[in-house]
Amino acid sequence: MTKFNGVFLIIMFMFVCVSVFFVDSIFGKILITGDEMEVRKAGSIIISKGNSKATNNTDTITACKMSYDTAKSVLFASGSVKLFSKTEKGKFFKTYGNFVEYNMDSQKGKIFGDYAIIEHYAHNVTSPLILSAKEIYIDIKEQTLSAYKKGEKRPVVKVDNAGRKELYEADEIILYNSYDKKIVMNGSVVVKIETREDEYNDAKNREII
């Protein structure tokens, strides 16, 4: 459980005010910064506005605005949200969206809004697996990503397999341990795989241009 340690600093330099807040968690201290800061409910709720950022040993979250519940260790962020997370084995995730609700201790949550995109980089792999949807549930520790159809928007996975592009689309997509190549798809599944003929035609077109 996260505890409020009562440290609150206001740093002023060249007329720019930056608020800094430290919170204890099971992953060490969480540092929260922003242009403006509010503390509510005797320190149990921290609100950051403008250039908001929260970091600990495993995660970095940036957004226009965020609120952090110190008792539950849950952070809610909105506006151009970016979440960068890493696992104990060196793999890491880059997450982008309008909103995120994320537990800083368990590394579980969801990213949602008009768009949600997660790039997963396996160890020593330069090309990420990319999952996009309107809402994605994330479990960083288990390296599991889940996305479901919302309205007309269906989740899509893009994979670069040794230079050959693959695309998967379905009503439901679940990635288990990502690069163990276990992708579960349900509901009108569509698979598009770039063939050698596609690569040949692309090369010929480039020659013509």
N, C-alpha and C. Protein backbone atom coordinates (compact mmCIF):
# COMPACT_ATOMS: atom_id res chain seq x y z
N MET A 1 0.84 -1.19 0.00
CA MET A 1 0.00 0.00 0.00
C MET A 1 0.88 1.25 0.00
N THR A 2 0.47 2.26 -0.75
CA THR A 2 1.22 3.49 -0.84
C THR A 2 0.93 4.38 0.35
N LYS A 3 1.95 5.08 0.85
CA LYS A 3 1.77 5.98 1.97
C LYS A 3 2.27 7.37 1.61
N PHE A 4 1.56 8.38 2.05
CA PHE A 4 1.94 9.77 1.85
C PHE A 4 3.02 10.12 2.86
N ASN A 5 4.17 10.57 2.39
CA ASN A 5 5.26 10.82 3.33
C ASN A 5 5.38 12.29 3.74
N GLY A 6 4.47 13.12 3.28
CA GLY A 6 4.39 14.49 3.76
C GLY A 6 5.42 15.44 3.19
N VAL A 7 6.07 15.05 2.07
CA VAL A 7 7.07 15.94 1.50
C VAL A 7 6.47 16.66 0.31
N PHE A 8 6.46 17.96 0.33
CA PHE A 8 5.89 18.76 -0.76
C PHE A 8 6.78 19.96 -0.99
N LEU A 9 7.28 20.12 -2.18
CA LEU A 9 8.23 21.17 -2.48
C LEU A 9 7.73 22.06 -3.59
N ILE A 10 7.99 23.34 -3.46
CA ILE A 10 7.74 24.27 -4.55
C ILE A 10 9.08 24.84 -4.98
N ILE A 11 9.44 24.60 -6.21
CA ILE A 11 10.72 25.06 -6.73
C ILE A 11 10.47 26.20 -7.71
N MET A 12 11.10 27.34 -7.46
CA MET A 12 10.92 28.49 -8.34
C MET A 12 12.27 28.89 -8.93
N PHE A 13 12.30 28.96 -10.25
CA PHE A 13 13.55 29.34 -10.90
C PHE A 13 13.22 30.16 -12.14
N MET A 14 13.74 31.36 -12.22
CA MET A 14 13.50 32.26 -13.34
C MET A 14 12.01 32.43 -13.59
N PHE A 15 11.27 32.63 -12.50
CA PHE A 15 9.85 32.93 -12.53
C PHE A 15 8.99 31.79 -13.04
N VAL A 16 9.54 30.59 -13.13
CA VAL A 16 8.78 29.41 -13.52
C VAL A 16 8.53 28.57 -12.27
N CYS A 17 7.26 28.26 -12.00
CA CYS A 17 6.92 27.51 -10.79
C CYS A 17 6.65 26.05 -11.15
N VAL A 18 7.38 25.16 -10.53
CA VAL A 18 7.19 23.73 -10.76
C VAL A 18 6.90 23.06 -9.43
N SER A 19 5.80 22.31 -9.35
CA SER A 19 5.45 21.61 -8.13
C SER A 19 5.99 20.20 -8.16
N VAL A 20 6.51 19.75 -7.03
CA VAL A 20 7.10 18.41 -6.93
C VAL A 20 6.51 17.70 -5.73
N PHE A 21 6.13 16.43 -5.92
CA PHE A 21 5.52 15.66 -4.83
C PHE A 21 6.13 14.27 -4.82
N PHE A 22 6.53 13.80 -3.65
CA PHE A 22 7.08 12.46 -3.49
C PHE A 22 6.09 11.59 -2.72
N VAL A 23 5.90 10.35 -3.20
CA VAL A 23 5.03 9.38 -2.52
C VAL A 23 5.76 8.06 -2.43
N ASP A 24 5.63 7.35 -1.30
CA ASP A 24 6.25 6.03 -1.15
C ASP A 24 5.37 4.96 -1.77
N SER A 25 5.99 3.97 -2.44
CA SER A 25 5.27 2.83 -3.00
C SER A 25 6.15 1.61 -2.90
N ILE A 26 5.60 0.46 -3.28
CA ILE A 26 6.37 -0.78 -3.19
C ILE A 26 7.53 -0.78 -4.18
N PHE A 27 7.49 0.07 -5.20
CA PHE A 27 8.58 0.19 -6.16
C PHE A 27 9.49 1.36 -5.82
N GLY A 28 9.43 1.85 -4.59
CA GLY A 28 10.22 3.01 -4.21
C GLY A 28 9.38 4.27 -4.32
N LYS A 29 10.05 5.40 -4.32
CA LYS A 29 9.32 6.66 -4.35
C LYS A 29 8.74 6.96 -5.72
N ILE A 30 7.54 7.53 -5.73
CA ILE A 30 6.92 8.03 -6.95
C ILE A 30 7.08 9.54 -6.95
N LEU A 31 7.65 10.07 -8.01
CA LEU A 31 7.85 11.51 -8.14
C LEU A 31 6.79 12.07 -9.08
N ILE A 32 6.02 13.02 -8.59
CA ILE A 32 4.97 13.65 -9.39
C ILE A 32 5.30 15.13 -9.53
N THR A 33 5.30 15.63 -10.77
CA THR A 33 5.60 17.03 -11.01
C THR A 33 4.55 17.64 -11.94
N GLY A 34 4.47 18.97 -11.97
CA GLY A 34 3.53 19.67 -12.83
C GLY A 34 3.64 21.17 -12.62
N ASP A 35 2.99 21.92 -13.50
CA ASP A 35 3.01 23.38 -13.38
C ASP A 35 2.20 23.84 -12.17
N GLU A 36 1.12 23.11 -11.87
CA GLU A 36 0.29 23.41 -10.71
C GLU A 36 0.00 22.11 -9.96
N MET A 37 -0.14 22.23 -8.64
CA MET A 37 -0.40 21.04 -7.84
C MET A 37 -1.44 21.34 -6.77
N GLU A 38 -2.35 20.38 -6.57
CA GLU A 38 -3.33 20.47 -5.49
C GLU A 38 -3.25 19.20 -4.66
N VAL A 39 -3.41 19.36 -3.35
CA VAL A 39 -3.45 18.22 -2.44
C VAL A 39 -4.79 18.23 -1.73
N ARG A 40 -5.55 17.15 -1.86
CA ARG A 40 -6.89 17.08 -1.28
C ARG A 40 -7.01 15.90 -0.32
N LYS A 41 -8.03 15.96 0.49
CA LYS A 41 -8.36 14.88 1.44
C LYS A 41 -7.15 14.49 2.28
N ALA A 42 -6.57 15.50 2.92
CA ALA A 42 -5.44 15.30 3.84
C ALA A 42 -4.27 14.57 3.18
N GLY A 43 -4.05 14.88 1.92
CA GLY A 43 -2.91 14.30 1.22
C GLY A 43 -3.18 12.99 0.52
N SER A 44 -4.40 12.49 0.57
CA SER A 44 -4.69 11.19 -0.07
C SER A 44 -4.90 11.32 -1.58
N ILE A 45 -5.23 12.53 -2.05
CA ILE A 45 -5.41 12.77 -3.48
C ILE A 45 -4.47 13.89 -3.90
N ILE A 46 -3.66 13.61 -4.94
CA ILE A 46 -2.72 14.60 -5.48
C ILE A 46 -3.15 14.90 -6.91
N ILE A 47 -3.31 16.18 -7.23
CA ILE A 47 -3.74 16.59 -8.57
C ILE A 47 -2.66 17.47 -9.18
N SER A 48 -2.22 17.11 -10.38
CA SER A 48 -1.20 17.87 -11.10
C SER A 48 -1.80 18.38 -12.41
N LYS A 49 -1.54 19.66 -12.72
CA LYS A 49 -2.07 20.26 -13.93
C LYS A 49 -0.95 20.94 -14.72
N GLY A 50 -0.92 20.68 -16.01
CA GLY A 50 0.08 21.29 -16.87
C GLY A 50 1.42 20.60 -16.83
N ASN A 51 1.85 20.03 -17.96
CA ASN A 51 3.14 19.30 -18.04
C ASN A 51 3.28 18.31 -16.90
N SER A 52 2.25 17.55 -16.66
CA SER A 52 2.24 16.61 -15.53
C SER A 52 3.09 15.38 -15.85
N LYS A 53 3.78 14.91 -14.81
CA LYS A 53 4.66 13.75 -14.98
C LYS A 53 4.72 12.96 -13.69
N ALA A 54 4.63 11.64 -13.80
CA ALA A 54 4.78 10.75 -12.64
C ALA A 54 5.80 9.67 -13.00
N THR A 55 6.77 9.44 -12.13
CA THR A 55 7.81 8.46 -12.40
C THR A 55 8.12 7.63 -11.15
N ASN A 56 8.48 6.37 -11.37
CA ASN A 56 9.06 5.53 -10.33
C ASN A 56 10.12 4.65 -11.00
N ASN A 57 10.50 3.56 -10.38
CA ASN A 57 11.57 2.72 -10.93
C ASN A 57 11.18 1.99 -12.21
N THR A 58 9.87 1.84 -12.46
CA THR A 58 9.42 1.02 -13.60
C THR A 58 8.60 1.79 -14.62
N ASP A 59 7.98 2.89 -14.23
CA ASP A 59 7.04 3.58 -15.11
C ASP A 59 7.31 5.08 -15.17
N THR A 60 7.01 5.65 -16.34
CA THR A 60 7.01 7.10 -16.52
C THR A 60 5.73 7.48 -17.26
N ILE A 61 4.94 8.36 -16.68
CA ILE A 61 3.69 8.80 -17.29
C ILE A 61 3.72 10.31 -17.45
N THR A 62 3.39 10.79 -18.64
CA THR A 62 3.26 12.22 -18.88
C THR A 62 1.87 12.50 -19.44
N ALA A 63 1.31 13.66 -19.09
CA ALA A 63 -0.04 14.02 -19.54
C ALA A 63 -0.27 15.51 -19.28
N CYS A 64 -1.38 16.01 -19.78
CA CYS A 64 -1.75 17.40 -19.49
C CYS A 64 -2.22 17.55 -18.05
N LYS A 65 -2.90 16.52 -17.54
CA LYS A 65 -3.43 16.56 -16.18
C LYS A 65 -3.45 15.16 -15.60
N MET A 66 -3.21 15.03 -14.29
CA MET A 66 -3.29 13.73 -13.65
C MET A 66 -3.69 13.87 -12.19
N SER A 67 -4.32 12.83 -11.68
CA SER A 67 -4.64 12.75 -10.25
C SER A 67 -4.17 11.40 -9.74
N TYR A 68 -3.67 11.41 -8.50
CA TYR A 68 -3.10 10.18 -7.94
C TYR A 68 -3.71 9.92 -6.57
N ASP A 69 -4.28 8.71 -6.42
CA ASP A 69 -4.86 8.27 -5.16
C ASP A 69 -3.78 7.52 -4.39
N THR A 70 -3.25 8.13 -3.34
CA THR A 70 -2.13 7.53 -2.61
C THR A 70 -2.52 6.25 -1.87
N ALA A 71 -3.78 6.14 -1.46
CA ALA A 71 -4.23 4.96 -0.72
C ALA A 71 -4.33 3.74 -1.63
N LYS A 72 -4.80 3.94 -2.86
CA LYS A 72 -5.00 2.84 -3.80
C LYS A 72 -3.85 2.70 -4.80
N SER A 73 -2.95 3.68 -4.83
CA SER A 73 -1.83 3.70 -5.78
C SER A 73 -2.32 3.73 -7.22
N VAL A 74 -3.47 4.38 -7.45
CA VAL A 74 -4.06 4.48 -8.78
C VAL A 74 -3.90 5.89 -9.32
N LEU A 75 -3.39 5.96 -10.54
CA LEU A 75 -3.20 7.25 -11.20
C LEU A 75 -4.14 7.35 -12.39
N PHE A 76 -4.82 8.49 -12.51
CA PHE A 76 -5.66 8.77 -13.68
C PHE A 76 -5.07 9.97 -14.39
N ALA A 77 -4.79 9.81 -15.69
CA ALA A 77 -4.18 10.88 -16.47
C ALA A 77 -5.00 11.15 -17.72
N SER A 78 -5.00 12.41 -18.15
CA SER A 78 -5.78 12.78 -19.33
C SER A 78 -5.02 13.82 -20.16
N GLY A 79 -5.26 13.76 -21.47
CA GLY A 79 -4.67 14.72 -22.39
C GLY A 79 -3.28 14.34 -22.86
N SER A 80 -3.18 13.85 -24.09
CA SER A 80 -1.89 13.47 -24.69
C SER A 80 -1.07 12.58 -23.74
N VAL A 81 -1.68 11.50 -23.30
CA VAL A 81 -1.05 10.63 -22.31
C VAL A 81 0.02 9.74 -22.96
N LYS A 82 1.16 9.64 -22.29
CA LYS A 82 2.21 8.70 -22.68
C LYS A 82 2.62 7.91 -21.43
N LEU A 83 2.65 6.59 -21.56
CA LEU A 83 3.06 5.71 -20.47
C LEU A 83 4.18 4.81 -20.97
N PHE A 84 5.36 4.94 -20.40
CA PHE A 84 6.49 4.09 -20.74
C PHE A 84 6.76 3.18 -19.55
N SER A 85 6.73 1.86 -19.79
CA SER A 85 6.90 0.88 -18.71
C SER A 85 7.94 -0.15 -19.11
N LYS A 86 8.62 -0.70 -18.11
CA LYS A 86 9.59 -1.76 -18.37
C LYS A 86 9.34 -2.92 -17.41
N THR A 87 9.74 -4.12 -17.85
CA THR A 87 9.58 -5.32 -17.04
C THR A 87 10.93 -5.69 -16.41
N GLU A 88 10.89 -6.67 -15.52
CA GLU A 88 12.12 -7.11 -14.86
C GLU A 88 13.09 -7.75 -15.85
N LYS A 89 12.58 -8.26 -16.97
CA LYS A 89 13.43 -8.94 -17.95
C LYS A 89 13.94 -8.00 -19.03
N GLY A 90 13.70 -6.70 -18.86
CA GLY A 90 14.26 -5.73 -19.79
C GLY A 90 13.37 -5.38 -20.96
N LYS A 91 12.21 -6.02 -21.08
CA LYS A 91 11.28 -5.66 -22.13
C LYS A 91 10.55 -4.38 -21.73
N PHE A 92 10.09 -3.61 -22.72
CA PHE A 92 9.40 -2.40 -22.35
C PHE A 92 8.25 -2.08 -23.30
N PHE A 93 7.34 -1.24 -22.80
CA PHE A 93 6.12 -0.87 -23.51
C PHE A 93 6.05 0.65 -23.64
N LYS A 94 5.57 1.12 -24.78
CA LYS A 94 5.27 2.54 -24.97
C LYS A 94 3.77 2.64 -25.26
N THR A 95 3.07 3.40 -24.45
CA THR A 95 1.61 3.49 -24.54
C THR A 95 1.20 4.93 -24.79
N TYR A 96 0.24 5.12 -25.72
CA TYR A 96 -0.23 6.46 -26.06
C TYR A 96 -1.77 6.46 -26.09
N GLY A 97 -2.39 7.55 -25.64
CA GLY A 97 -3.84 7.64 -25.69
C GLY A 97 -4.36 8.93 -25.11
N ASN A 98 -5.68 9.05 -25.05
CA ASN A 98 -6.33 10.23 -24.46
C ASN A 98 -6.38 10.16 -22.95
N PHE A 99 -6.64 8.94 -22.43
CA PHE A 99 -6.79 8.75 -20.99
C PHE A 99 -6.10 7.46 -20.56
N VAL A 100 -5.64 7.44 -19.31
CA VAL A 100 -5.12 6.21 -18.74
C VAL A 100 -5.51 6.13 -17.28
N GLU A 101 -5.89 4.93 -16.85
CA GLU A 101 -6.12 4.63 -15.44
C GLU A 101 -5.17 3.49 -15.09
N TYR A 102 -4.25 3.73 -14.15
CA TYR A 102 -3.13 2.82 -13.99
C TYR A 102 -2.73 2.68 -12.53
N ASN A 103 -2.55 1.43 -12.10
CA ASN A 103 -2.08 1.16 -10.75
C ASN A 103 -0.56 1.10 -10.77
N MET A 104 0.08 2.02 -10.08
CA MET A 104 1.54 2.12 -10.11
C MET A 104 2.22 0.97 -9.39
N ASP A 105 1.51 0.27 -8.50
CA ASP A 105 2.08 -0.87 -7.78
C ASP A 105 1.94 -2.17 -8.58
N SER A 106 0.73 -2.46 -9.04
CA SER A 106 0.48 -3.72 -9.75
C SER A 106 0.84 -3.65 -11.23
N GLN A 107 1.02 -2.43 -11.76
CA GLN A 107 1.27 -2.20 -13.18
C GLN A 107 0.14 -2.74 -14.06
N LYS A 108 -1.08 -2.58 -13.57
CA LYS A 108 -2.27 -2.95 -14.33
C LYS A 108 -3.12 -1.70 -14.54
N GLY A 109 -3.86 -1.68 -15.67
CA GLY A 109 -4.75 -0.56 -15.92
C GLY A 109 -5.32 -0.61 -17.32
N LYS A 110 -5.80 0.52 -17.78
CA LYS A 110 -6.33 0.60 -19.14
C LYS A 110 -6.04 1.97 -19.72
N ILE A 111 -5.89 2.00 -21.04
CA ILE A 111 -5.73 3.24 -21.77
C ILE A 111 -6.87 3.32 -22.77
N PHE A 112 -7.49 4.49 -22.88
CA PHE A 112 -8.70 4.57 -23.69
C PHE A 112 -8.93 5.99 -24.19
N GLY A 113 -9.97 6.14 -25.04
CA GLY A 113 -10.31 7.43 -25.63
C GLY A 113 -10.54 7.28 -27.12
N ASP A 114 -10.32 8.36 -27.87
CA ASP A 114 -10.46 8.29 -29.33
C ASP A 114 -9.45 7.34 -29.94
N TYR A 115 -8.32 7.20 -29.27
CA TYR A 115 -7.31 6.25 -29.74
C TYR A 115 -6.52 5.73 -28.55
N ALA A 116 -5.99 4.53 -28.69
CA ALA A 116 -5.09 3.93 -27.71
C ALA A 116 -4.11 3.07 -28.49
N ILE A 117 -2.84 3.29 -28.28
CA ILE A 117 -1.80 2.58 -29.02
C ILE A 117 -0.74 2.08 -28.05
N ILE A 118 -0.35 0.82 -28.19
CA ILE A 118 0.73 0.27 -27.37
C ILE A 118 1.78 -0.35 -28.29
N GLU A 119 3.03 0.07 -28.08
CA GLU A 119 4.16 -0.53 -28.77
C GLU A 119 4.91 -1.40 -27.77
N HIS A 120 5.07 -2.67 -28.11
CA HIS A 120 5.79 -3.58 -27.22
C HIS A 120 7.12 -3.96 -27.84
N TYR A 121 8.19 -3.70 -27.10
CA TYR A 121 9.54 -4.01 -27.56
C TYR A 121 10.08 -5.19 -26.75
N ALA A 122 10.31 -6.30 -27.41
CA ALA A 122 10.92 -7.44 -26.74
C ALA A 122 12.41 -7.18 -26.57
N HIS A 123 13.04 -7.99 -25.73
CA HIS A 123 14.47 -7.82 -25.48
C HIS A 123 15.27 -8.01 -26.76
N ASN A 124 16.14 -7.04 -27.08
CA ASN A 124 17.01 -7.07 -28.27
C ASN A 124 16.23 -7.08 -29.58
N VAL A 125 14.99 -6.58 -29.57
CA VAL A 125 14.18 -6.47 -30.78
C VAL A 125 13.96 -4.99 -31.09
N THR A 126 14.26 -4.59 -32.33
CA THR A 126 14.16 -3.17 -32.68
C THR A 126 12.78 -2.79 -33.21
N SER A 127 12.07 -3.74 -33.84
CA SER A 127 10.75 -3.46 -34.38
C SER A 127 9.68 -3.89 -33.40
N PRO A 128 8.81 -2.98 -32.96
CA PRO A 128 7.83 -3.35 -31.94
C PRO A 128 6.60 -4.04 -32.53
N LEU A 129 5.92 -4.77 -31.67
CA LEU A 129 4.57 -5.22 -31.96
C LEU A 129 3.64 -4.08 -31.57
N ILE A 130 2.71 -3.70 -32.45
CA ILE A 130 1.87 -2.52 -32.21
C ILE A 130 0.40 -2.93 -32.13
N LEU A 131 -0.24 -2.62 -31.02
CA LEU A 131 -1.66 -2.88 -30.82
C LEU A 131 -2.38 -1.55 -30.72
N SER A 132 -3.45 -1.37 -31.54
CA SER A 132 -4.23 -0.14 -31.49
C SER A 132 -5.71 -0.48 -31.36
N ALA A 133 -6.44 0.35 -30.59
CA ALA A 133 -7.87 0.16 -30.34
C ALA A 133 -8.39 1.43 -29.67
N LYS A 134 -9.66 1.44 -29.30
CA LYS A 134 -10.20 2.56 -28.54
C LYS A 134 -10.01 2.37 -27.05
N GLU A 135 -9.81 1.11 -26.63
CA GLU A 135 -9.59 0.80 -25.23
C GLU A 135 -8.73 -0.45 -25.12
N ILE A 136 -7.64 -0.35 -24.35
CA ILE A 136 -6.73 -1.47 -24.19
C ILE A 136 -6.46 -1.68 -22.70
N TYR A 137 -6.62 -2.91 -22.25
CA TYR A 137 -6.31 -3.27 -20.87
C TYR A 137 -4.88 -3.80 -20.83
N ILE A 138 -4.10 -3.35 -19.84
CA ILE A 138 -2.69 -3.69 -19.80
C ILE A 138 -2.32 -4.33 -18.46
N ASP A 139 -1.45 -5.32 -18.55
CA ASP A 139 -0.86 -5.95 -17.37
C ASP A 139 0.62 -6.10 -17.68
N ILE A 140 1.40 -5.12 -17.24
CA ILE A 140 2.81 -5.06 -17.63
C ILE A 140 3.59 -6.23 -17.05
N LYS A 141 3.34 -6.59 -15.80
CA LYS A 141 4.08 -7.68 -15.17
C LYS A 141 3.90 -9.00 -15.91
N GLU A 142 2.65 -9.28 -16.31
CA GLU A 142 2.36 -10.52 -17.04
C GLU A 142 2.54 -10.35 -18.54
N GLN A 143 2.84 -9.12 -18.98
CA GLN A 143 3.02 -8.81 -20.40
C GLN A 143 1.81 -9.25 -21.21
N THR A 144 0.63 -8.93 -20.69
CA THR A 144 -0.63 -9.29 -21.35
C THR A 144 -1.38 -8.02 -21.73
N LEU A 145 -1.83 -7.97 -22.98
CA LEU A 145 -2.60 -6.84 -23.49
C LEU A 145 -3.93 -7.36 -24.03
N SER A 146 -5.03 -6.67 -23.71
CA SER A 146 -6.36 -7.10 -24.15
C SER A 146 -7.10 -5.91 -24.75
N ALA A 147 -7.70 -6.13 -25.92
CA ALA A 147 -8.46 -5.06 -26.58
C ALA A 147 -9.73 -5.64 -27.17
N TYR A 148 -10.81 -4.84 -27.14
CA TYR A 148 -12.11 -5.30 -27.61
C TYR A 148 -12.77 -4.23 -28.49
N LYS A 149 -13.66 -4.68 -29.37
CA LYS A 149 -14.35 -3.77 -30.26
C LYS A 149 -15.22 -2.80 -29.46
N LYS A 150 -15.15 -1.52 -29.82
CA LYS A 150 -16.00 -0.50 -29.22
C LYS A 150 -16.59 0.34 -30.34
N GLY A 151 -17.91 0.27 -30.47
CA GLY A 151 -18.55 0.94 -31.60
C GLY A 151 -18.12 0.26 -32.90
N GLU A 152 -17.64 1.05 -33.86
CA GLU A 152 -17.17 0.49 -35.13
C GLU A 152 -15.68 0.23 -35.12
N LYS A 153 -15.01 0.67 -34.07
CA LYS A 153 -13.56 0.52 -34.00
C LYS A 153 -13.17 -0.86 -33.49
N ARG A 154 -12.39 -1.60 -34.31
CA ARG A 154 -11.92 -2.92 -33.92
C ARG A 154 -10.43 -2.87 -33.63
N PRO A 155 -9.96 -3.65 -32.66
CA PRO A 155 -8.53 -3.67 -32.38
C PRO A 155 -7.72 -4.25 -33.53
N VAL A 156 -6.52 -3.72 -33.69
CA VAL A 156 -5.62 -4.14 -34.77
C VAL A 156 -4.23 -4.35 -34.20
N VAL A 157 -3.58 -5.44 -34.63
CA VAL A 157 -2.19 -5.71 -34.26
C VAL A 157 -1.34 -5.68 -35.52
N LYS A 158 -0.22 -4.95 -35.45
CA LYS A 158 0.73 -4.92 -36.56
C LYS A 158 2.05 -5.51 -36.09
N VAL A 159 2.59 -6.42 -36.91
CA VAL A 159 3.83 -7.12 -36.56
C VAL A 159 4.80 -7.04 -37.73
N ASP A 160 6.05 -6.77 -37.42
CA ASP A 160 7.11 -6.84 -38.42
C ASP A 160 7.88 -8.13 -38.17
N ASN A 161 7.60 -9.14 -38.98
CA ASN A 161 8.19 -10.47 -38.78
C ASN A 161 9.36 -10.65 -39.74
N ALA A 162 10.56 -10.35 -39.25
CA ALA A 162 11.78 -10.46 -40.05
C ALA A 162 11.67 -9.68 -41.35
N GLY A 163 11.11 -8.47 -41.24
CA GLY A 163 10.98 -7.61 -42.41
C GLY A 163 9.68 -7.78 -43.18
N ARG A 164 8.90 -8.79 -42.85
CA ARG A 164 7.61 -9.02 -43.52
C ARG A 164 6.49 -8.50 -42.62
N LYS A 165 5.67 -7.61 -43.17
CA LYS A 165 4.63 -6.97 -42.38
C LYS A 165 3.39 -7.85 -42.29
N GLU A 166 2.84 -7.94 -41.06
CA GLU A 166 1.62 -8.71 -40.81
C GLU A 166 0.63 -7.83 -40.06
N LEU A 167 -0.66 -7.97 -40.40
CA LEU A 167 -1.71 -7.22 -39.74
C LEU A 167 -2.84 -8.16 -39.35
N TYR A 168 -3.30 -8.03 -38.11
CA TYR A 168 -4.39 -8.85 -37.59
C TYR A 168 -5.48 -7.93 -37.04
N GLU A 169 -6.72 -8.22 -37.40
CA GLU A 169 -7.86 -7.41 -36.94
C GLU A 169 -8.98 -8.35 -36.50
N ALA A 170 -9.64 -8.02 -35.38
CA ALA A 170 -10.72 -8.86 -34.85
C ALA A 170 -11.56 -8.07 -33.86
N ASP A 171 -12.68 -8.66 -33.44
CA ASP A 171 -13.51 -8.01 -32.43
C ASP A 171 -12.85 -8.06 -31.05
N GLU A 172 -12.01 -9.08 -30.85
CA GLU A 172 -11.31 -9.24 -29.58
C GLU A 172 -9.90 -9.76 -29.85
N ILE A 173 -8.91 -9.08 -29.27
CA ILE A 173 -7.52 -9.50 -29.42
C ILE A 173 -6.86 -9.51 -28.05
N ILE A 174 -6.24 -10.63 -27.71
CA ILE A 174 -5.52 -10.73 -26.44
C ILE A 174 -4.11 -11.23 -26.75
N LEU A 175 -3.12 -10.50 -26.28
CA LEU A 175 -1.72 -10.87 -26.45
C LEU A 175 -1.19 -11.38 -25.12
N TYR A 176 -0.81 -12.64 -25.10
CA TYR A 176 -0.25 -13.23 -23.89
C TYR A 176 1.27 -13.26 -24.00
N ASN A 177 1.92 -12.62 -23.06
CA ASN A 177 3.38 -12.61 -23.03
C ASN A 177 3.95 -12.21 -24.39
N SER A 178 3.23 -11.34 -25.03
CA SER A 178 3.52 -10.73 -26.32
C SER A 178 4.39 -11.54 -27.27
N TYR A 179 5.73 -11.44 -27.17
CA TYR A 179 6.58 -12.03 -28.19
C TYR A 179 6.80 -13.53 -28.02
N ASP A 180 6.01 -14.18 -27.16
CA ASP A 180 5.96 -15.63 -27.18
C ASP A 180 5.06 -16.09 -28.33
N LYS A 181 4.61 -15.11 -29.12
CA LYS A 181 3.82 -15.35 -30.34
C LYS A 181 2.47 -15.98 -30.04
N LYS A 182 1.91 -15.69 -28.88
CA LYS A 182 0.58 -16.19 -28.57
C LYS A 182 -0.41 -15.03 -28.64
N ILE A 183 -1.15 -15.00 -29.75
CA ILE A 183 -2.16 -13.96 -29.96
C ILE A 183 -3.51 -14.66 -30.13
N VAL A 184 -4.45 -14.36 -29.26
CA VAL A 184 -5.79 -14.95 -29.33
C VAL A 184 -6.73 -13.93 -29.94
N MET A 185 -7.45 -14.34 -30.99
CA MET A 185 -8.37 -13.44 -31.69
C MET A 185 -9.73 -14.09 -31.85
N ASN A 186 -10.78 -13.32 -31.63
CA ASN A 186 -12.14 -13.82 -31.78
C ASN A 186 -13.00 -12.78 -32.49
N GLY A 187 -13.94 -13.26 -33.32
CA GLY A 187 -14.92 -12.37 -33.95
C GLY A 187 -14.47 -11.78 -35.26
N SER A 188 -14.87 -12.40 -36.38
CA SER A 188 -14.59 -11.88 -37.73
C SER A 188 -13.12 -11.52 -37.91
N VAL A 189 -12.27 -12.49 -37.72
CA VAL A 189 -10.83 -12.25 -37.76
C VAL A 189 -10.36 -12.00 -39.19
N VAL A 190 -9.55 -10.98 -39.36
CA VAL A 190 -8.95 -10.65 -40.66
C VAL A 190 -7.44 -10.66 -40.50
N VAL A 191 -6.75 -11.38 -41.39
CA VAL A 191 -5.30 -11.46 -41.36
C VAL A 191 -4.76 -11.01 -42.71
N LYS A 192 -3.82 -10.06 -42.68
CA LYS A 192 -3.17 -9.59 -43.90
C LYS A 192 -1.67 -9.76 -43.74
N ILE A 193 -1.06 -10.52 -44.65
CA ILE A 193 0.37 -10.79 -44.58
C ILE A 193 1.02 -10.37 -45.89
N GLU A 194 2.04 -9.57 -45.78
CA GLU A 194 2.77 -9.13 -46.97
C GLU A 194 3.52 -10.32 -47.57
N THR A 195 3.28 -10.60 -48.84
CA THR A 195 3.92 -11.72 -49.51
C THR A 195 5.19 -11.26 -50.21
N ARG A 196 5.98 -12.23 -50.67
CA ARG A 196 7.18 -11.88 -51.42
C ARG A 196 6.83 -11.15 -52.71
N GLU A 197 5.66 -11.46 -53.28
CA GLU A 197 5.22 -10.78 -54.49
C GLU A 197 4.96 -9.30 -54.20
N ASP A 198 4.36 -9.03 -53.03
CA ASP A 198 4.13 -7.64 -52.63
C ASP A 198 5.45 -6.90 -52.52
N GLU A 199 6.46 -7.56 -51.92
CA GLU A 199 7.76 -6.93 -51.77
C GLU A 199 8.40 -6.67 -53.13
N TYR A 200 8.23 -7.62 -54.06
CA TYR A 200 8.79 -7.47 -55.40
C TYR A 200 8.13 -6.30 -56.13
N ASN A 201 6.79 -6.22 -56.04
CA ASN A 201 6.07 -5.13 -56.70
C ASN A 201 6.43 -3.77 -56.12
N ASP A 202 6.60 -3.73 -54.78
CA ASP A 202 7.00 -2.48 -54.15
C ASP A 202 8.37 -2.02 -54.64
N ALA A 203 9.28 -2.99 -54.78
CA ALA A 203 10.62 -2.67 -55.26
C ALA A 203 10.57 -2.15 -56.70
N LYS A 204 9.76 -2.81 -57.55
CA LYS A 204 9.64 -2.38 -58.95
C LYS A 204 9.04 -0.98 -59.04
N ASN A 205 8.03 -0.71 -58.19
CA ASN A 205 7.42 0.62 -58.19
C ASN A 205 8.43 1.69 -57.79
N ARG A 206 9.28 1.37 -56.82
CA ARG A 206 10.29 2.34 -56.42
C ARG A 206 11.29 2.61 -57.53
N GLU A 207 11.60 1.58 -58.31
CA GLU A 207 12.51 1.75 -59.44
C GLU A 207 11.90 2.66 -60.49
N ILE A 208 10.60 2.47 -60.73
CA ILE A 208 9.90 3.30 -61.73
C ILE A 208 9.86 4.76 -61.29
N ILE A 209 9.60 4.99 -59.98
CA ILE A 209 9.54 6.35 -59.47
C ILE A 209 10.93 6.99 -59.54
